[in-house]
Structure formats: C-alpha cells, structure tokens
Protein backbone atom coordinates (compact mmCIF):
# COMPACT_ATOMS: atom_id res chain seq x y z
CA UNK A 1 102.41 137.91 99.11
CA UNK A 2 102.44 134.46 100.74
CA UNK A 3 100.14 131.75 99.08
CA UNK A 4 97.86 131.76 102.22
CA UNK A 5 97.36 135.46 102.20
CA UNK A 6 96.85 135.49 98.48
CA UNK A 7 94.07 132.68 98.85
CA UNK A 8 92.45 134.52 101.62
CA UNK A 9 92.19 137.72 99.46
CA UNK A 10 91.00 135.86 96.67
CA UNK A 11 88.23 134.27 98.81
CA UNK A 12 87.14 137.63 100.08
CA UNK A 13 86.88 139.08 96.42
CA UNK A 14 85.28 135.92 95.30
CA UNK A 15 82.72 135.81 98.05
CA UNK A 16 81.89 139.47 97.30
CA UNK A 17 81.08 138.68 93.48
CA UNK A 18 79.92 134.98 93.61
CA UNK A 19 77.09 133.51 95.49
CA UNK A 20 77.86 130.98 98.23
CA UNK A 21 77.98 127.38 96.90
CA UNK A 22 78.65 128.40 93.27
CA UNK A 23 80.18 125.40 91.52
CA UNK A 24 81.94 127.49 89.00
CA UNK A 25 83.75 129.34 92.10
CA UNK A 26 84.51 125.96 93.66
CA UNK A 27 85.97 124.82 90.41
CA UNK A 28 88.14 127.91 90.11
CA UNK A 29 89.31 127.64 93.55
CA UNK A 30 90.28 124.04 93.21
CA UNK A 31 92.26 124.94 89.84
CA UNK A 32 94.01 127.51 91.72
CA UNK A 33 95.18 125.09 94.62
CA UNK A 34 96.21 122.47 92.08
CA UNK A 35 98.29 125.38 89.96
CA UNK A 36 100.02 126.40 93.28
CA UNK A 37 100.45 122.76 94.68
CA UNK A 38 98.38 123.62 97.66
CA UNK A 39 96.39 121.27 99.57
CA UNK A 40 93.19 121.52 101.71
CA UNK A 41 93.53 122.02 105.56
CA UNK A 42 91.74 118.67 105.91
CA UNK A 43 94.25 116.74 103.64
CA UNK A 44 96.93 118.77 105.52
CA UNK A 45 95.68 117.58 109.07
CA UNK A 46 95.38 114.31 108.06
CA UNK A 47 98.84 113.91 106.76
CA UNK A 48 100.10 115.56 110.03
CA UNK A 49 98.44 112.95 111.85
CA UNK A 50 99.97 110.02 109.62
CA UNK A 51 103.27 111.68 110.25
CA UNK A 52 102.67 111.79 114.21
CA UNK A 53 101.68 108.03 113.95
CA UNK A 54 104.59 107.09 111.88
CA UNK A 55 106.90 109.08 114.08
CA UNK A 56 105.74 107.28 117.25
CA UNK A 57 106.22 103.67 115.47
CA UNK A 58 109.53 104.57 114.52
CA UNK A 59 110.55 105.63 117.94
CA UNK A 60 109.08 102.40 119.37
CA UNK A 61 111.04 99.97 116.71
CA UNK A 62 114.37 102.25 117.67
CA UNK A 63 113.73 101.25 121.21
CA UNK A 64 112.99 97.68 120.53
CA UNK A 65 116.11 97.56 118.38
CA UNK A 66 118.39 99.18 121.11
CA UNK A 67 117.02 96.65 123.54
CA UNK A 68 117.85 93.67 121.31
CA UNK A 69 121.28 94.95 120.43
CA UNK A 70 122.07 95.36 124.21
CA UNK A 71 120.81 91.75 124.82
CA UNK A 72 118.01 92.93 126.97
CA UNK A 73 114.34 91.80 126.80
CA UNK A 74 111.86 93.96 124.80
CA UNK A 75 110.37 96.75 126.60
C-alpha cells in the first residue's frame, strides 16, 4: 500500500472514531508524518514553487553566460 493510500485510509478510520479538531488526533497524525518522512501538501507546494523559481533563474543565468562567452551583449 502506498503511503498516500495508507494515510487516507488512516484518516478515514480516525475520522470515524475521533471528533474533528481533536488535538490528540492531530498529534498522532504529525507523528506518523514524521515517522514516514512525509510532508504536508502546503510544504510540498511551497517547495515546488521554490524549485520552479530556482529553475527559471538558472536558465536565465545560463543564457547570460552563453551570451558572454560568445561575446554578445546580455539579453
């Protein structure tokens, strides 16, 4: 079973037995996420955005370097 499927099944089981907003349930879920080296969706999305910006900057720097090496003015 994949970690996402496992967490979804756990969430469904937990939701049926524990009232919404329970601090114990949240703590347990955080412990499981840490144990399985998982990150929240928000953290994943934030890191995806950082990677996209970094990739764009790298491509721009590579273009500038190519232009300088060819003796052309910067774009």
